[in-house]
PDB file of N, CA and C in Angstrom:
ATOM      1  N   MET A   1    -172.263-105.616  56.854  1.00  0.00           N
ATOM      2  CA  MET A   1    -172.457-106.390  55.643  1.00  0.00           C
ATOM      3  C   MET A   1    -171.224-107.258  55.350  1.00  0.00           C
ATOM      4  N   ILE A   2    -170.040-106.772  55.737  1.00  0.00           N
ATOM      5  CA  ILE A   2    -168.833-107.566  55.534  1.00  0.00           C
ATOM      6  C   ILE A   2    -168.881-108.808  56.419  1.00  0.00           C
ATOM      7  N   LEU A   3    -169.299-108.632  57.687  1.00  0.00           N
ATOM      8  CA  LEU A   3    -169.339-109.774  58.597  1.00  0.00           C
ATOM      9  C   LEU A   3    -170.398-110.788  58.181  1.00  0.00           C
ATOM     10  N   LEU A   4    -171.465-110.333  57.539  1.00  0.00           N
ATOM     11  CA  LEU A   4    -172.494-111.250  57.067  1.00  0.00           C
ATOM     12  C   LEU A   4    -172.146-111.849  55.714  1.00  0.00           C
ATOM     13  N   ALA A   5    -171.060-111.404  55.107  1.00  0.00           N
ATOM     14  CA  ALA A   5    -170.676-111.820  53.756  1.00  0.00           C
ATOM     15  C   ALA A   5    -171.820-111.580  52.785  1.00  0.00           C
ATOM     16  N   ALA A   6    -172.459-110.413  52.940  1.00  0.00           N
ATOM     17  CA  ALA A   6    -173.616-110.057  52.118  1.00  0.00           C
ATOM     18  C   ALA A   6    -173.195-108.926  51.180  1.00  0.00           C
ATOM     19  N   GLU A   7    -172.463-109.285  50.141  1.00  0.00           N
ATOM     20  CA  GLU A   7    -171.955-108.271  49.220  1.00  0.00           C
ATOM     21  C   GLU A   7    -173.090-107.552  48.507  1.00  0.00           C
ATOM     22  N   TYR A   8    -174.132-108.297  48.129  1.00  0.00           N
ATOM     23  CA  TYR A   8    -175.249-107.676  47.412  1.00  0.00           C
ATOM     24  C   TYR A   8    -175.913-106.603  48.270  1.00  0.00           C
ATOM     25  N   LEU A   9    -176.162-106.915  49.541  1.00  0.00           N
ATOM     26  CA  LEU A   9    -176.793-105.925  50.408  1.00  0.00           C
ATOM     27  C   LEU A   9    -175.890-104.717  50.614  1.00  0.00           C
ATOM     28  N   GLY A  10    -174.596-104.934  50.709  1.00  0.00           N
ATOM     29  CA  GLY A  10    -173.675-103.819  50.867  1.00  0.00           C
ATOM     30  C   GLY A  10    -173.681-102.895  49.662  1.00  0.00           C
ATOM     31  N   VAL A  11    -173.655-103.476  48.470  1.00  0.00           N
ATOM     32  CA  VAL A  11    -173.683-102.662  47.251  1.00  0.00           C
ATOM     33  C   VAL A  11    -175.040-101.970  47.112  1.00  0.00           C
ATOM     34  N   ALA A  12    -176.130-102.676  47.426  1.00  0.00           N
ATOM     35  CA  ALA A  12    -177.459-102.062  47.337  1.00  0.00           C
ATOM     36  C   ALA A  12    -177.574-100.903  48.311  1.00  0.00           C
ATOM     37  N   MET A  13    -177.038-101.059  49.521  1.00  0.00           N
ATOM     38  CA  MET A  13    -177.096 -99.972  50.493  1.00  0.00           C
ATOM     39  C   MET A  13    -176.242 -98.797  50.035  1.00  0.00           C
ATOM     40  N   PHE A  14    -175.088 -99.080  49.436  1.00  0.00           N
ATOM     41  CA  PHE A  14    -174.225 -98.015  48.927  1.00  0.00           C
ATOM     42  C   PHE A  14    -174.954 -97.206  47.854  1.00  0.00           C
ATOM     43  N   PHE A  15    -175.577 -97.896  46.881  1.00  0.00           N
ATOM     44  CA  PHE A  15    -176.278 -97.177  45.823  1.00  0.00           C
ATOM     45  C   PHE A  15    -177.504 -96.448  46.346  1.00  0.00           C
ATOM     46  N   MET A  16    -178.193 -97.029  47.318  1.00  0.00           N
ATOM     47  CA  MET A  16    -179.354 -96.366  47.898  1.00  0.00           C
ATOM     48  C   MET A  16    -178.928 -95.056  48.567  1.00  0.00           C
ATOM     49  N   MET A  17    -177.839 -95.083  49.311  1.00  0.00           N
ATOM     50  CA  MET A  17    -177.369 -93.871  49.971  1.00  0.00           C
ATOM     51  C   MET A  17    -176.858 -92.845  48.962  1.00  0.00           C
ATOM     52  N   ALA A  18    -176.238 -93.291  47.869  1.00  0.00           N
ATOM     53  CA  ALA A  18    -175.764 -92.362  46.844  1.00  0.00           C
ATOM     54  C   ALA A  18    -176.935 -91.640  46.198  1.00  0.00           C
ATOM     55  N   VAL A  19    -177.988 -92.367  45.891  1.00  0.00           N
ATOM     56  CA  VAL A  19    -179.168 -91.734  45.291  1.00  0.00           C
ATOM     57  C   VAL A  19    -179.826 -90.796  46.292  1.00  0.00           C
ATOM     58  N   GLU A  20    -179.876 -91.196  47.553  1.00  0.00           N
ATOM     59  CA  GLU A  20    -180.461 -90.340  48.585  1.00  0.00           C
ATOM     60  C   GLU A  20    -179.697 -89.023  48.691  1.00  0.00           C
ATOM     61  N   MET A  21    -178.381 -89.086  48.687  1.00  0.00           N
ATOM     62  CA  MET A  21    -177.581 -87.865  48.781  1.00  0.00           C
ATOM     63  C   MET A  21    -177.740 -86.997  47.531  1.00  0.00           C
ATOM     64  N   THR A  22    -177.867 -87.626  46.362  1.00  0.00           N
ATOM     65  CA  THR A  22    -178.076 -86.863  45.132  1.00  0.00           C
ATOM     66  C   THR A  22    -179.398 -86.115  45.173  1.00  0.00           C
ATOM     67  N   VAL A  23    -180.455 -86.790  45.602  1.00  0.00           N
ATOM     68  CA  VAL A  23    -181.762 -86.133  45.699  1.00  0.00           C
ATOM     69  C   VAL A  23    -181.706 -85.004  46.717  1.00  0.00           C
ATOM     70  N   MET A  24    -181.040 -85.234  47.850  1.00  0.00           N
ATOM     71  CA  MET A  24    -180.930 -84.188  48.860  1.00  0.00           C
ATOM     72  C   MET A  24    -180.181 -82.980  48.295  1.00  0.00           C
ATOM     73  N   ALA A  25    -179.113 -83.203  47.555  1.00  0.00           N
ATOM     74  CA  ALA A  25    -178.363 -82.087  46.967  1.00  0.00           C
ATOM     75  C   ALA A  25    -179.223 -81.327  45.965  1.00  0.00           C
ATOM     76  N   LEU A  26    -180.005 -82.037  45.168  1.00  0.00           N
ATOM     77  CA  LEU A  26    -180.888 -81.357  44.212  1.00  0.00           C
ATOM     78  C   LEU A  26    -181.913 -80.489  44.930  1.00  0.00           C
ATOM     79  N   PHE A  27    -182.521 -80.990  45.999  1.00  0.00           N
ATOM     80  CA  PHE A  27    -183.483 -80.197  46.738  1.00  0.00           C
ATOM     81  C   PHE A  27    -182.816 -79.013  47.416  1.00  0.00           C
ATOM     82  N   MET A  28    -181.591 -79.186  47.885  1.00  0.00           N
ATOM     83  CA  MET A  28    -180.892 -78.060  48.504  1.00  0.00           C
ATOM     84  C   MET A  28    -180.640 -76.960  47.484  1.00  0.00           C
ATOM     85  N   VAL A  29    -180.269 -77.322  46.262  1.00  0.00           N
ATOM     86  CA  VAL A  29    -180.041 -76.318  45.230  1.00  0.00           C
ATOM     87  C   VAL A  29    -181.359 -75.665  44.828  1.00  0.00           C
ATOM     88  N   MET A  30    -182.428 -76.472  44.742  1.00  0.00           N
ATOM     89  CA  MET A  30    -183.722 -75.930  44.339  1.00  0.00           C
ATOM     90  C   MET A  30    -184.267 -74.931  45.338  1.00  0.00           C
ATOM     91  N   PHE A  31    -184.134 -75.218  46.615  1.00  0.00           N
ATOM     92  CA  PHE A  31    -184.785 -74.414  47.641  1.00  0.00           C
ATOM     93  C   PHE A  31    -183.828 -73.543  48.435  1.00  0.00           C
ATOM     94  N   MET A  32    -182.601 -73.393  47.988  1.00  0.00           N
ATOM     95  CA  MET A  32    -181.684 -72.571  48.762  1.00  0.00           C
ATOM     96  C   MET A  32    -182.089 -71.109  48.701  1.00  0.00           C
ATOM     97  N   MET A  33    -181.665 -70.348  49.689  1.00  0.00           N
ATOM     98  CA  MET A  33    -182.153 -68.990  49.856  1.00  0.00           C
ATOM     99  C   MET A  33    -181.406 -67.975  49.004  1.00  0.00           C
ATOM    100  N   ASN A  34    -180.459 -68.399  48.205  1.00  0.00           N
ATOM    101  CA  ASN A  34    -179.657 -67.471  47.424  1.00  0.00           C
ATOM    102  C   ASN A  34    -179.776 -67.831  45.945  1.00  0.00           C
ATOM    103  N   PRO A  35    -180.906 -67.505  45.309  1.00  0.00           N
ATOM    104  CA  PRO A  35    -181.075 -67.912  43.910  1.00  0.00           C
ATOM    105  C   PRO A  35    -180.106 -67.180  42.986  1.00  0.00           C
ATOM    106  N   ALA A  36    -179.420 -67.935  42.159  1.00  0.00           N
ATOM    107  CA  ALA A  36    -178.513 -67.421  41.130  1.00  0.00           C
ATOM    108  C   ALA A  36    -177.381 -66.591  41.704  1.00  0.00           C
ATOM    109  N   GLY A  37    -177.102 -66.712  42.985  1.00  0.00           N
ATOM    110  CA  GLY A  37    -175.988 -65.992  43.586  1.00  0.00           C
ATOM    111  C   GLY A  37    -176.180 -64.497  43.655  1.00  0.00           C
ATOM    112  N   LEU A  38    -177.421 -64.033  43.703  1.00  0.00           N
ATOM    113  CA  LEU A  38    -177.681 -62.592  43.712  1.00  0.00           C
ATOM    114  C   LEU A  38    -177.356 -61.947  45.054  1.00  0.00           C
ATOM    115  N   ASN A  39    -177.574 -62.656  46.134  1.00  0.00           N
ATOM    116  CA  ASN A  39    -177.298 -62.123  47.464  1.00  0.00           C
ATOM    117  C   ASN A  39    -176.102 -62.856  48.044  1.00  0.00           C
ATOM    118  N   PRO A  40    -174.944 -62.238  48.097  1.00  0.00           N
ATOM    119  CA  PRO A  40    -173.788 -62.949  48.646  1.00  0.00           C
ATOM    120  C   PRO A  40    -174.000 -63.256  50.126  1.00  0.00           C
ATOM    121  N   MET A  41    -173.816 -64.505  50.498  1.00  0.00           N
ATOM    122  CA  MET A  41    -173.964 -64.899  51.894  1.00  0.00           C
ATOM    123  C   MET A  41    -173.033 -66.061  52.185  1.00  0.00           C
ATOM    124  N   ASN A  42    -172.692 -66.186  53.432  1.00  0.00           N
ATOM    125  CA  ASN A  42    -171.857 -67.285  53.884  1.00  0.00           C
ATOM    126  C   ASN A  42    -172.756 -68.254  54.641  1.00  0.00           C
ATOM    127  N   MET A  43    -172.863 -69.478  54.156  1.00  0.00           N
ATOM    128  CA  MET A  43    -173.763 -70.461  54.762  1.00  0.00           C
ATOM    129  C   MET A  43    -173.103 -71.240  55.896  1.00  0.00           C
ATOM    130  N   VAL A  44    -171.835 -70.965  56.206  1.00  0.00           N
ATOM    131  CA  VAL A  44    -171.119 -71.699  57.243  1.00  0.00           C
ATOM    132  C   VAL A  44    -170.938 -70.777  58.446  1.00  0.00           C
ATOM    133  N   HIS A  45    -171.372 -71.249  59.584  1.00  0.00           N
ATOM    134  CA  HIS A  45    -171.146 -70.509  60.820  1.00  0.00           C
ATOM    135  C   HIS A  45    -169.913 -71.084  61.489  1.00  0.00           C
ATOM    136  N   GLN A  46    -169.121 -70.247  62.097  1.00  0.00           N
ATOM    137  CA  GLN A  46    -167.880 -70.636  62.759  1.00  0.00           C
ATOM    138  C   GLN A  46    -167.013 -71.447  61.791  1.00  0.00           C
ATOM    139  N   GLU A  47    -166.578 -70.778  60.744  1.00  0.00           N
ATOM    140  CA  GLU A  47    -165.895 -71.437  59.629  1.00  0.00           C
ATOM    141  C   GLU A  47    -164.615 -72.149  60.047  1.00  0.00           C
ATOM    142  N   ARG A  48    -163.813 -71.551  60.914  1.00  0.00           N
ATOM    143  CA  ARG A  48    -162.552 -72.186  61.331  1.00  0.00           C
ATOM    144  C   ARG A  48    -162.816 -73.466  62.116  1.00  0.00           C
ATOM    145  N   ILE A  49    -163.827 -73.450  62.979  1.00  0.00           N
ATOM    146  CA  ILE A  49    -164.164 -74.662  63.745  1.00  0.00           C
ATOM    147  C   ILE A  49    -164.672 -75.748  62.808  1.00  0.00           C
ATOM    148  N   ALA A  50    -165.474 -75.356  61.813  1.00  0.00           N
ATOM    149  CA  ALA A  50    -165.999 -76.333  60.856  1.00  0.00           C
ATOM    150  C   ALA A  50    -164.871 -76.957  60.036  1.00  0.00           C
ATOM    151  N   ILE A  51    -163.911 -76.151  59.607  1.00  0.00           N
ATOM    152  CA  ILE A  51    -162.775 -76.678  58.849  1.00  0.00           C
ATOM    153  C   ILE A  51    -161.941 -77.607  59.732  1.00  0.00           C
ATOM    154  N   GLY A  52    -161.687 -77.198  60.961  1.00  0.00           N
ATOM    155  CA  GLY A  52    -160.922 -78.039  61.881  1.00  0.00           C
ATOM    156  C   GLY A  52    -161.625 -79.361  62.170  1.00  0.00           C
ATOM    157  N   ALA A  53    -162.949 -79.310  62.391  1.00  0.00           N
ATOM    158  CA  ALA A  53    -163.707 -80.540  62.647  1.00  0.00           C
ATOM    159  C   ALA A  53    -163.692 -81.447  61.425  1.00  0.00           C
ATOM    160  N   GLY A  54    -163.758 -80.856  60.241  1.00  0.00           N
ATOM    161  CA  GLY A  54    -163.699 -81.661  59.020  1.00  0.00           C
ATOM    162  C   GLY A  54    -162.351 -82.349  58.847  1.00  0.00           C
ATOM    163  N   ILE A  55    -161.289 -81.630  59.112  1.00  0.00           N
ATOM    164  CA  ILE A  55    -159.946 -82.209  58.990  1.00  0.00           C
ATOM    165  C   ILE A  55    -159.739 -83.310  60.029  1.00  0.00           C
ATOM    166  N   VAL A  56    -160.147 -83.048  61.273  1.00  0.00           N
ATOM    167  CA  VAL A  56    -160.006 -84.059  62.325  1.00  0.00           C
ATOM    168  C   VAL A  56    -160.845 -85.292  61.984  1.00  0.00           C
ATOM    169  N   GLY A  57    -162.071 -85.091  61.531  1.00  0.00           N
ATOM    170  CA  GLY A  57    -162.923 -86.218  61.146  1.00  0.00           C
ATOM    171  C   GLY A  57    -162.319 -87.025  60.018  1.00  0.00           C
ATOM    172  N   PHE A  58    -161.770 -86.350  59.023  1.00  0.00           N
ATOM    173  CA  PHE A  58    -161.122 -87.043  57.911  1.00  0.00           C
ATOM    174  C   PHE A  58    -159.925 -87.857  58.391  1.00  0.00           C
ATOM    175  N   LEU A  59    -159.101 -87.271  59.246  1.00  0.00           N
ATOM    176  CA  LEU A  59    -157.923 -87.985  59.738  1.00  0.00           C
ATOM    177  C   LEU A  59    -158.304 -89.197  60.591  1.00  0.00           C
ATOM    178  N   VAL A  60    -159.323 -89.040  61.434  1.00  0.00           N
ATOM    179  CA  VAL A  60    -159.747 -90.157  62.282  1.00  0.00           C
ATOM    180  C   VAL A  60    -160.322 -91.282  61.429  1.00  0.00           C
ATOM    181  N   LEU A  61    -161.215 -90.941  60.496  1.00  0.00           N
ATOM    182  CA  LEU A  61    -161.802 -91.973  59.643  1.00  0.00           C
ATOM    183  C   LEU A  61    -160.757 -92.618  58.733  1.00  0.00           C
ATOM    184  N   GLY A  62    -159.829 -91.827  58.227  1.00  0.00           N
ATOM    185  CA  GLY A  62    -158.760 -92.385  57.406  1.00  0.00           C
ATOM    186  C   GLY A  62    -157.868 -93.326  58.192  1.00  0.00           C
ATOM    187  N   ALA A  63    -157.527 -92.940  59.436  1.00  0.00           N
ATOM    188  CA  ALA A  63    -156.706 -93.814  60.280  1.00  0.00           C
ATOM    189  C   ALA A  63    -157.447 -95.101  60.606  1.00  0.00           C
ATOM    190  N   MET A  64    -158.752 -94.997  60.870  1.00  0.00           N
ATOM    191  CA  MET A  64    -159.533 -96.206  61.153  1.00  0.00           C
ATOM    192  C   MET A  64    -159.568 -97.126  59.936  1.00  0.00           C
ATOM    193  N   ALA A  65    -159.704 -96.545  58.743  1.00  0.00           N
ATOM    194  CA  ALA A  65    -159.752 -97.367  57.533  1.00  0.00           C
ATOM    195  C   ALA A  65    -158.409 -98.031  57.246  1.00  0.00           C
ATOM    196  N   LEU A  66    -157.327 -97.330  57.520  1.00  0.00           N
ATOM    197  CA  LEU A  66    -156.002 -97.886  57.224  1.00  0.00           C
ATOM    198  C   LEU A  66    -155.495 -98.840  58.294  1.00  0.00           C
ATOM    199  N   LEU A  67    -155.867 -98.618  59.539  1.00  0.00           N
ATOM    200  CA  LEU A  67    -155.306 -99.400  60.633  1.00  0.00           C
ATOM    201  C   LEU A  67    -156.229-100.499  61.149  1.00  0.00           C
ATOM    202  N   ALA A  68    -157.467-100.553  60.662  1.00  0.00           N
ATOM    203  CA  ALA A  68    -158.412-101.563  61.150  1.00  0.00           C
ATOM    204  C   ALA A  68    -158.023-102.939  60.637  1.00  0.00           C
ATOM    205  N   ALA A  69    -158.281-103.941  61.454  1.00  0.00           N
ATOM    206  CA  ALA A  69    -158.010-105.330  61.066  1.00  0.00           C
ATOM    207  C   ALA A  69    -159.308-105.929  60.518  1.00  0.00           C
ATOM    208  N   PHE A  70    -159.443-105.941  59.214  1.00  0.00           N
ATOM    209  CA  PHE A  70    -160.632-106.488  58.580  1.00  0.00           C
ATOM    210  C   PHE A  70    -160.531-108.008  58.524  1.00  0.00           C
ATOM    211  N   PRO A  71    -161.669-108.696  58.630  1.00  0.00           N
ATOM    212  CA  PRO A  71    -161.618-110.162  58.564  1.00  0.00           C
ATOM    213  C   PRO A  71    -161.226-110.618  57.165  1.00  0.00           C
ATOM    214  N   ASP A  72    -160.401-111.671  57.127  1.00  0.00           N
ATOM    215  CA  ASP A  72    -159.959-112.163  55.825  1.00  0.00           C
ATOM    216  C   ASP A  72    -160.748-113.386  55.371  1.00  0.00           C
ATOM    217  N   GLN A  73    -161.646-113.877  56.228  1.00  0.00           N
ATOM    218  CA  GLN A  73    -162.478-115.014  55.859  1.00  0.00           C
ATOM    219  C   GLN A  73    -163.939-114.645  56.098  1.00  0.00           C
ATOM    220  N   PRO A  74    -164.818-114.996  55.182  1.00  0.00           N
ATOM    221  CA  PRO A  74    -166.241-114.689  55.407  1.00  0.00           C
ATOM    222  C   PRO A  74    -166.809-115.538  56.537  1.00  0.00           C
ATOM    223  N   VAL A  75    -167.881-115.069  57.090  1.00  0.00           N
ATOM    224  CA  VAL A  75    -168.564-115.802  58.153  1.00  0.00           C
ATOM    225  C   VAL A  75    -169.162-117.065  57.560  1.00  0.00           C
ATOM    226  N   SER A  76    -169.101-118.156  58.301  1.00  0.00           N
ATOM    227  CA  SER A  76    -169.628-119.409  57.774  1.00  0.00           C
ATOM    228  C   SER A  76    -171.137-119.327  57.593  1.00  0.00           C
ATOM    229  N   ALA A  77    -171.644-120.046  56.612  1.00  0.00           N
ATOM    230  CA  ALA A  77    -173.075-120.016  56.307  1.00  0.00           C
ATOM    231  C   ALA A  77    -173.899-120.793  57.324  1.00  0.00           C
ATOM    232  N   ASP A  78    -173.254-121.484  58.244  1.00  0.00           N
ATOM    233  CA  ASP A  78    -173.975-122.257  59.249  1.00  0.00           C
ATOM    234  C   ASP A  78    -174.554-121.382  60.357  1.00  0.00           C
ATOM    235  N   LEU A  79    -174.132-120.125  60.418  1.00  0.00           N
ATOM    236  CA  LEU A  79    -174.640-119.254  61.465  1.00  0.00           C
ATOM    237  C   LEU A  79    -176.110-118.939  61.226  1.00  0.00           C
ATOM    238  N   GLU A  80    -176.865-118.879  62.283  1.00  0.00           N
ATOM    239  CA  GLU A  80    -178.311-118.662  62.180  1.00  0.00           C
ATOM    240  C   GLU A  80    -178.680-117.289  61.600  1.00  0.00           C
ATOM    241  N   PRO A  81    -178.004-116.170  61.966  1.00  0.00           N
ATOM    242  CA  PRO A  81    -178.391-114.878  61.370  1.00  0.00           C
ATOM    243  C   PRO A  81    -178.242-114.856  59.855  1.00  0.00           C
ATOM    244  N   VAL A  82    -177.197-115.473  59.333  1.00  0.00           N
ATOM    245  CA  VAL A  82    -176.986-115.489  57.889  1.00  0.00           C
ATOM    246  C   VAL A  82    -178.088-116.296  57.211  1.00  0.00           C
ATOM    247  N   ARG A  83    -178.401-117.448  57.760  1.00  0.00           N
ATOM    248  CA  ARG A  83    -179.430-118.311  57.185  1.00  0.00           C
ATOM    249  C   ARG A  83    -180.808-117.638  57.257  1.00  0.00           C
ATOM    250  N   SER A  84    -181.129-117.027  58.392  1.00  0.00           N
ATOM    251  CA  SER A  84    -182.449-116.414  58.526  1.00  0.00           C
ATOM    252  C   SER A  84    -182.585-115.186  57.626  1.00  0.00           C
ATOM    253  N   LEU A  85    -181.507-114.429  57.454  1.00  0.00           N
ATOM    254  CA  LEU A  85    -181.562-113.284  56.551  1.00  0.00           C
ATOM    255  C   LEU A  85    -181.756-113.744  55.109  1.00  0.00           C
ATOM    256  N   GLY A  86    -181.059-114.798  54.714  1.00  0.00           N
ATOM    257  CA  GLY A  86    -181.244-115.322  53.367  1.00  0.00           C
ATOM    258  C   GLY A  86    -182.634-115.866  53.145  1.00  0.00           C
ATOM    259  N   ASN A  87    -183.166-116.586  54.133  1.00  0.00           N
ATOM    260  CA  ASN A  87    -184.535-117.098  54.007  1.00  0.00           C
ATOM    261  C   ASN A  87    -185.547-115.972  53.928  1.00  0.00           C
ATOM    262  N   GLU A  88    -185.324-114.918  54.680  1.00  0.00           N
ATOM    263  CA  GLU A  88    -186.267-113.793  54.662  1.00  0.00           C
ATOM    264  C   GLU A  88    -186.242-113.067  53.316  1.00  0.00           C
ATOM    265  N   MET A  89    -185.057-112.882  52.759  1.00  0.00           N
ATOM    266  CA  MET A  89    -184.955-112.124  51.511  1.00  0.00           C
ATOM    267  C   MET A  89    -185.289-112.966  50.290  1.00  0.00           C
ATOM    268  N   LEU A  90    -184.954-114.230  50.310  1.00  0.00           N
ATOM    269  CA  LEU A  90    -185.151-115.056  49.131  1.00  0.00           C
ATOM    270  C   LEU A  90    -186.249-116.099  49.321  1.00  0.00           C
ATOM    271  N   GLY A  91    -186.940-116.045  50.438  1.00  0.00           N
ATOM    272  CA  GLY A  91    -187.993-117.017  50.708  1.00  0.00           C
ATOM    273  C   GLY A  91    -189.334-116.553  50.156  1.00  0.00           C
ATOM    274  N   ASP A  92    -190.375-116.773  50.941  1.00  0.00           N
ATOM    275  CA  ASP A  92    -191.729-116.434  50.506  1.00  0.00           C
ATOM    276  C   ASP A  92    -191.954-114.939  50.349  1.00  0.00           C
ATOM    277  N   SER A  93    -191.158-114.128  51.021  1.00  0.00           N
ATOM    278  CA  SER A  93    -191.394-112.686  50.985  1.00  0.00           C
ATOM    279  C   SER A  93    -190.573-111.979  49.911  1.00  0.00           C
ATOM    280  N   MET A  94    -190.019-112.698  48.957  1.00  0.00           N
ATOM    281  CA  MET A  94    -189.207-112.061  47.916  1.00  0.00           C
ATOM    282  C   MET A  94    -190.028-111.079  47.103  1.00  0.00           C
ATOM    283  N   LEU A  95    -191.269-111.427  46.774  1.00  0.00           N
ATOM    284  CA  LEU A  95    -192.130-110.526  46.017  1.00  0.00           C
ATOM    285  C   LEU A  95    -192.398-109.249  46.801  1.00  0.00           C
ATOM    286  N   ILE A  96    -192.609-109.373  48.097  1.00  0.00           N
ATOM    287  CA  ILE A  96    -192.840-108.204  48.935  1.00  0.00           C
ATOM    288  C   ILE A  96    -191.591-107.327  48.981  1.00  0.00           C
ATOM    289  N   PHE A  97    -190.437-107.955  49.109  1.00  0.00           N
ATOM    290  CA  PHE A  97    -189.170-107.221  49.159  1.00  0.00           C
ATOM    291  C   PHE A  97    -188.939-106.452  47.869  1.00  0.00           C
ATOM    292  N   GLU A  98    -189.143-107.115  46.744  1.00  0.00           N
ATOM    293  CA  GLU A  98    -188.943-106.444  45.452  1.00  0.00           C
ATOM    294  C   GLU A  98    -189.978-105.349  45.224  1.00  0.00           C
ATOM    295  N   SER A  99    -191.213-105.587  45.612  1.00  0.00           N
ATOM    296  CA  SER A  99    -192.258-104.571  45.467  1.00  0.00           C
ATOM    297  C   SER A  99    -191.964-103.353  46.304  1.00  0.00           C
ATOM    298  N   ALA A 100    -191.488-103.575  47.526  1.00  0.00           N
ATOM    299  CA  ALA A 100    -191.135-102.442  48.378  1.00  0.00           C
ATOM    300  C   ALA A 100    -189.977-101.653  47.775  1.00  0.00           C
ATOM    301  N   GLY A 101    -189.025-102.347  47.161  1.00  0.00           N
ATOM    302  CA  GLY A 101    -187.924-101.653  46.507  1.00  0.00           C
ATOM    303  C   GLY A 101    -188.387-100.784  45.348  1.00  0.00           C
ATOM    304  N   ILE A 102    -189.330-101.291  44.564  1.00  0.00           N
ATOM    305  CA  ILE A 102    -189.860-100.506  43.445  1.00  0.00           C
ATOM    306  C   ILE A 102    -190.641 -99.305  43.947  1.00  0.00           C
ATOM    307  N   VAL A 103    -191.465 -99.529  44.983  1.00  0.00           N
ATOM    308  CA  VAL A 103    -192.282 -98.434  45.522  1.00  0.00           C
ATOM    309  C   VAL A 103    -191.409 -97.357  46.133  1.00  0.00           C
ATOM    310  N   LEU A 104    -190.380 -97.782  46.877  1.00  0.00           N
ATOM    311  CA  LEU A 104    -189.507 -96.779  47.501  1.00  0.00           C
ATOM    312  C   LEU A 104    -188.690 -96.051  46.468  1.00  0.00           C
TER     313      LEU A 104
END
């Protein structure tokens, strides 16, 4: 989305994923096998490996975010993918796009 200079799509995708994760968390709490904490259980298998993988993943993603060379200029609007994406979203199919968003 950064390379397409499509800030709206990036923000829409961010909010869509946030809502998706919220719904998933609600369903996990609703259907989890330990209601009200009555049966103590550990839901993590191989806890040390999971913690190590989480730390390594965090460090790798953090290093990529800090050391990556992000573009400082947006892509020109003369490129065909940018123009075709704009025509598709804001052209004749805008009603279909908005309707699909409401339905989803």
